[in-house]
């Protein structure tokens, strides 16, 4: 059974930083990509950042230059470093691991940016 556990969310003022972590466990033979998505109240879930096998990254335009996705294979952990946070970054952030069999999702972690 594959499990993804996110952590690192919280409340921060505009301009602040947070680092999200996603520890995955279970039997995963091949990972095609890992990513972070977010869903704000009343909005659809959207892609924030994706790291494809081979270290190719894709970012949403709204977070380019502010967020960085990375992965520690030895720790089976995916990170999202978020800097210069804005009010509109407020959302529940979800970790995603894509395998040839199926995608896996974490339970989400709340990020609130407020003054």
Protein backbone atom coordinates (compact mmCIF):
# COMPACT_ATOMS: atom_id res chain seq x y z
CA UNK A 1 0.00 0.00 0.00
CA UNK A 2 1.40 3.36 -1.03
CA UNK A 3 1.07 6.29 1.36
CA UNK A 4 1.93 9.95 0.93
CA UNK A 5 2.15 12.17 3.98
CA UNK A 6 2.50 15.92 3.57
CA UNK A 7 3.78 18.28 6.21
CA UNK A 8 5.08 21.81 6.55
CA UNK A 9 1.91 23.78 5.95
CA UNK A 10 0.83 26.61 8.19
CA UNK A 11 0.11 30.31 8.39
CA UNK A 12 2.50 32.94 7.15
CA UNK A 13 2.46 36.62 6.30
CA UNK A 14 2.82 37.86 2.72
CA UNK A 15 6.43 37.73 1.65
CA UNK A 16 7.18 34.83 3.95
CA UNK A 17 8.40 31.33 3.17
CA UNK A 18 7.32 27.78 3.84
CA UNK A 19 8.77 24.42 2.91
CA UNK A 20 6.36 21.58 2.26
CA UNK A 21 7.47 17.97 2.51
CA UNK A 22 5.86 14.83 1.15
CA UNK A 23 7.15 11.50 2.42
CA UNK A 24 6.01 8.54 0.37
CA UNK A 25 6.18 4.91 1.40
CA UNK A 26 5.10 1.52 0.11
CA UNK A 27 5.93 -0.54 -2.91
CA UNK A 28 6.71 1.76 -5.81
CA UNK A 29 8.88 0.29 -8.51
CA UNK A 30 8.87 3.18 -10.95
CA UNK A 31 8.04 6.84 -10.45
CA UNK A 32 7.38 8.76 -13.62
CA UNK A 33 6.88 12.12 -11.96
CA UNK A 34 6.21 13.82 -8.66
CA UNK A 35 4.31 17.02 -8.21
CA UNK A 36 2.46 19.50 -6.06
CA UNK A 37 -1.07 20.67 -6.71
CA UNK A 38 -3.26 23.07 -4.81
CA UNK A 39 -6.92 23.81 -4.36
CA UNK A 40 -8.24 27.10 -3.06
CA UNK A 41 -11.79 27.45 -1.70
CA UNK A 42 -14.32 27.47 -4.53
CA UNK A 43 -11.68 26.71 -7.16
CA UNK A 44 -10.54 23.63 -9.02
CA UNK A 45 -7.36 21.82 -8.12
CA UNK A 46 -4.45 23.17 -10.14
CA UNK A 47 -0.91 22.14 -10.88
CA UNK A 48 1.75 24.05 -9.00
CA UNK A 49 4.97 22.21 -9.88
CA UNK A 50 5.95 18.90 -11.43
CA UNK A 51 9.30 17.13 -11.45
CA UNK A 52 9.58 14.49 -14.17
CA UNK A 53 12.02 11.59 -14.03
CA UNK A 54 15.19 13.02 -15.47
CA UNK A 55 14.85 16.21 -13.42
CA UNK A 56 12.75 18.18 -15.87
CA UNK A 57 10.54 20.65 -14.01
CA UNK A 58 7.39 22.52 -14.87
CA UNK A 59 5.87 25.34 -12.84
CA UNK A 60 2.60 27.17 -12.99
CA UNK A 61 3.10 30.71 -14.24
CA UNK A 62 1.77 32.06 -10.94
CA UNK A 63 4.63 30.51 -8.95
CA UNK A 64 7.58 30.68 -11.35
CA UNK A 65 10.60 32.22 -9.72
CA UNK A 66 9.11 31.83 -6.24
CA UNK A 67 8.58 28.09 -5.76
CA UNK A 68 11.06 25.25 -6.20
CA UNK A 69 10.25 21.54 -6.34
CA UNK A 70 12.89 19.00 -5.41
CA UNK A 71 13.19 15.35 -4.51
CA UNK A 72 15.41 13.36 -2.18
CA UNK A 73 15.39 9.79 -3.49
CA UNK A 74 17.29 8.48 -0.48
CA UNK A 75 14.57 9.78 1.83
CA UNK A 76 11.62 9.10 -0.50
CA UNK A 77 10.60 12.69 0.00
CA UNK A 78 9.43 15.46 -2.29
CA UNK A 79 9.77 19.10 -1.27
CA UNK A 80 8.20 22.37 -2.30
CA UNK A 81 10.11 25.45 -1.22
CA UNK A 82 7.78 28.42 -1.35
CA UNK A 83 9.23 31.92 -1.11
CA UNK A 84 7.70 35.38 -1.45
CA UNK A 85 4.30 33.98 -0.61
CA UNK A 86 1.26 35.94 -1.67
CA UNK A 87 -2.31 36.06 -0.41
CA UNK A 88 -3.42 34.16 -3.50
CA UNK A 89 -1.17 31.23 -2.61
CA UNK A 90 -3.61 30.32 0.14
CA UNK A 91 -4.87 26.80 -0.56
CA UNK A 92 -4.68 23.17 0.42
CA UNK A 93 -1.55 21.73 -1.15
CA UNK A 94 -1.49 18.13 -2.32
CA UNK A 95 1.46 15.93 -3.14
CA UNK A 96 1.19 13.66 -6.18
CA UNK A 97 3.29 10.68 -7.23
CA UNK A 98 2.69 9.30 -10.70
CA UNK A 99 3.59 5.70 -11.48
CA UNK A 100 2.92 3.58 -14.58
CA UNK A 101 0.11 1.90 -12.63
CA UNK A 102 -1.71 4.88 -11.14
CA UNK A 103 -1.25 8.29 -9.53
CA UNK A 104 -1.15 8.58 -5.76
CA UNK A 105 -2.26 11.56 -3.71
CA UNK A 106 -1.54 12.78 -0.22
CA UNK A 107 -4.19 14.04 2.18
CA UNK A 108 -3.23 17.69 1.71
CA UNK A 109 -1.73 20.35 3.92
CA UNK A 110 -3.19 23.81 4.46
CA UNK A 111 -1.18 26.89 3.55
CA UNK A 112 -2.64 30.21 4.64
CA UNK A 113 -1.09 33.52 3.68
CA UNK A 114 -2.59 36.45 5.51
CA UNK A 115 -1.61 39.78 6.98
